[in-house]
Protein backbone atom coordinates (compact mmCIF):
# COMPACT_ATOMS: atom_id res chain seq x y z
CA UNK A 1 -9.14 -5.74 31.28
CA UNK A 2 -10.49 -8.87 33.01
CA UNK A 3 -12.31 -11.67 31.15
CA UNK A 4 -13.73 -15.08 32.03
CA UNK A 5 -12.82 -18.19 30.08
CA UNK A 6 -12.23 -21.94 30.24
CA UNK A 7 -8.84 -23.56 30.15
CA UNK A 8 -8.47 -25.59 26.94
CA UNK A 9 -4.94 -26.85 27.55
CA UNK A 10 -2.09 -26.47 30.02
CA UNK A 11 1.67 -26.71 29.52
CA UNK A 12 4.44 -25.80 31.96
CA UNK A 13 3.48 -22.36 33.33
CA UNK A 14 1.12 -21.43 30.48
CA UNK A 15 -2.50 -22.13 29.62
CA UNK A 16 -4.60 -21.69 26.50
CA UNK A 17 -7.87 -20.08 27.59
CA UNK A 18 -11.01 -20.15 25.43
CA UNK A 19 -13.24 -17.10 25.82
CA UNK A 20 -16.32 -15.70 24.16
CA UNK A 21 -15.67 -12.47 22.28
CA UNK A 22 -16.83 -9.70 24.59
CA UNK A 23 -17.97 -6.15 23.97
CA UNK A 24 -14.64 -4.86 25.24
CA UNK A 25 -12.82 -6.95 22.63
CA UNK A 26 -11.68 -4.64 19.84
CA UNK A 27 -10.00 -7.30 17.70
CA UNK A 28 -6.63 -6.00 18.81
CA UNK A 29 -4.80 -9.11 17.65
CA UNK A 30 -3.76 -10.48 21.02
CA UNK A 31 -6.17 -13.41 20.74
CA UNK A 32 -6.59 -16.06 18.07
CA UNK A 33 -9.96 -17.14 16.68
CA UNK A 34 -10.81 -20.80 17.17
CA UNK A 35 -11.29 -23.00 14.12
CA UNK A 36 -15.08 -22.95 14.48
CA UNK A 37 -15.15 -19.17 15.07
CA UNK A 38 -17.21 -19.45 18.26
CA UNK A 39 -14.47 -18.52 20.68
CA UNK A 40 -11.22 -16.66 20.85
CA UNK A 41 -8.11 -18.24 22.32
CA UNK A 42 -5.54 -16.53 24.52
CA UNK A 43 -2.20 -17.85 25.73
CA UNK A 44 -1.89 -16.83 29.38
CA UNK A 45 0.53 -17.27 32.24
CA UNK A 46 -1.06 -19.86 34.56
CA UNK A 47 -0.32 -18.25 37.93
CA UNK A 48 -3.43 -19.77 39.52
CA UNK A 49 -2.46 -23.37 38.69
CA UNK A 50 -5.65 -23.96 36.71
CA UNK A 51 -6.32 -27.29 35.03
CA UNK A 52 -8.02 -28.21 31.76
CA UNK A 53 -11.74 -27.45 31.96
CA UNK A 54 -11.49 -24.96 34.83
CA UNK A 55 -13.38 -21.70 34.48
CA UNK A 56 -10.90 -18.92 35.18
CA UNK A 57 -10.57 -15.17 35.43
CA UNK A 58 -7.96 -13.83 32.99
CA UNK A 59 -6.36 -10.41 33.04
CA UNK A 60 -5.18 -8.83 29.80
CA UNK A 61 -2.94 -5.83 30.23
CA UNK A 62 -4.71 -2.66 29.06
CA UNK A 63 -1.36 -1.29 27.86
CA UNK A 64 -0.93 -4.20 25.46
CA UNK A 65 -4.41 -3.72 24.10
CA UNK A 66 -3.79 0.00 23.56
CA UNK A 67 -0.43 -0.56 21.84
CA UNK A 68 -1.93 -3.26 19.62
CA UNK A 69 -4.96 -1.14 18.72
CA UNK A 70 -2.84 1.96 18.07
CA UNK A 71 -0.38 0.12 15.84
CA UNK A 72 -3.15 -1.64 13.96
CA UNK A 73 -5.49 1.31 13.39
CA UNK A 74 -3.78 4.65 13.95
CA UNK A 75 -0.32 4.09 12.49
CA UNK A 76 -1.63 3.53 8.93
CA UNK A 77 -3.84 6.63 9.19
CA UNK A 78 -1.00 8.81 10.45
CA UNK A 79 1.41 7.48 7.83
CA UNK A 80 -1.11 8.17 5.05
CA UNK A 81 -1.50 11.76 6.21
CA UNK A 82 2.28 12.12 6.50
CA UNK A 83 2.73 10.78 2.96
CA UNK A 84 0.23 13.28 1.61
CA UNK A 85 1.87 16.19 3.46
CA UNK A 86 5.36 15.19 2.25
CA UNK A 87 4.06 14.82 -1.32
CA UNK A 88 2.40 18.24 -1.16
CA UNK A 89 5.60 19.82 0.16
CA UNK A 90 7.72 18.25 -2.59
CA UNK A 91 5.29 19.30 -5.34
CA UNK A 92 4.94 22.84 -3.89
CA UNK A 93 1.18 22.38 -3.50
CA UNK A 94 0.56 21.96 -7.22
CA UNK A 95 -3.03 20.88 -7.83
CA UNK A 96 -2.11 18.91 -10.98
CA UNK A 97 0.52 16.81 -9.21
CA UNK A 98 -0.31 13.21 -8.35
CA UNK A 99 2.72 13.00 -6.06
CA UNK A 100 0.77 13.66 -2.81
CA UNK A 101 -1.67 10.83 -3.56
CA UNK A 102 1.09 8.49 -4.70
CA UNK A 103 3.15 9.14 -1.57
CA UNK A 104 0.07 8.78 0.65
CA UNK A 105 -0.59 5.33 -0.84
CA UNK A 106 3.11 4.40 -0.63
CA UNK A 107 3.30 5.46 3.03
CA UNK A 108 0.09 3.50 3.74
CA UNK A 109 1.58 0.34 2.21
CA UNK A 110 4.82 0.84 4.14
CA UNK A 111 2.86 1.25 7.38
CA UNK A 112 0.99 -2.03 6.76
CA UNK A 113 4.29 -3.82 6.19
CA UNK A 114 5.75 -2.21 9.33
CA UNK A 115 2.74 -3.27 11.43
CA UNK A 116 2.98 -6.80 10.05
CA UNK A 117 6.74 -7.03 10.79
CA UNK A 118 6.24 -5.56 14.27
CA UNK A 119 3.50 -8.13 14.93
CA UNK A 120 5.80 -10.98 13.84
CA UNK A 121 8.58 -9.72 16.10
CA UNK A 122 6.29 -9.34 19.12
CA UNK A 123 4.68 -12.75 18.62
CA UNK A 124 8.11 -14.44 18.45
CA UNK A 125 9.48 -12.62 21.46
CA UNK A 126 6.45 -12.69 23.70
CA UNK A 127 3.71 -15.22 23.15
CA UNK A 128 1.97 -14.88 26.51
CA UNK A 129 -0.63 -12.11 26.44
CA UNK A 130 -2.52 -12.54 29.68
CA UNK A 131 -2.45 -13.92 33.20
CA UNK A 132 -4.79 -16.46 34.80
CA UNK A 133 -5.63 -14.69 38.06
CA UNK A 134 -7.81 -17.30 39.74
CA UNK A 135 -9.97 -20.35 39.23
CA UNK A 136 -13.64 -19.45 39.68
CA UNK A 137 -15.83 -21.30 42.17
CA UNK A 138 -18.66 -23.48 40.83
CA UNK A 139 -21.25 -20.78 41.60
CA UNK A 140 -19.23 -18.14 39.76
CA UNK A 141 -18.63 -20.54 36.86
CA UNK A 142 -22.35 -21.26 36.52
CA UNK A 143 -23.09 -17.52 36.43
CA UNK A 144 -20.57 -16.94 33.64
CA UNK A 145 -21.39 -17.53 29.95
CA UNK A 146 -21.13 -21.16 28.83
CA UNK A 147 -17.88 -21.70 26.96
CA UNK A 148 -17.20 -24.95 25.15
CA UNK A 149 -13.68 -26.28 25.25
CA UNK A 150 -12.07 -26.00 21.84
CA UNK A 151 -10.80 -29.17 20.19
CA UNK A 152 -7.26 -28.95 18.83
CA UNK A 153 -5.88 -30.72 15.79
CA UNK A 154 -9.01 -31.20 13.71
């Protein structure tokens, strides 16, 4: 997935890129919302050597987006179903038993904790979620949506 944004800050080989939330953005968790909520921020590898204020083209790996979306949305659903099936099997399909519902809720809670722990682990290990492919020319930058540079630190 390729997006257009403006470089808000640069450090070493990384850049923080401010982007408008696009239609292809599914709130997968790879980006952070800015303090004013107008943009999303992405930490990207600065392979193009972009500077602060440059309008750039950023690539976000589709595989990362799919893994993030799957773990965030599908894992809790699958775990809830699994909890219900396990509860039904243990209670021999008894209609009076609350065990299937209780296990479905318990598995759902466990899946939320697992997703949260997985997210913490991934964020510690790998903070860079995209790559700055190129700095856009002035004509291309003017044709792209206007993105204000986010102010850090209040």
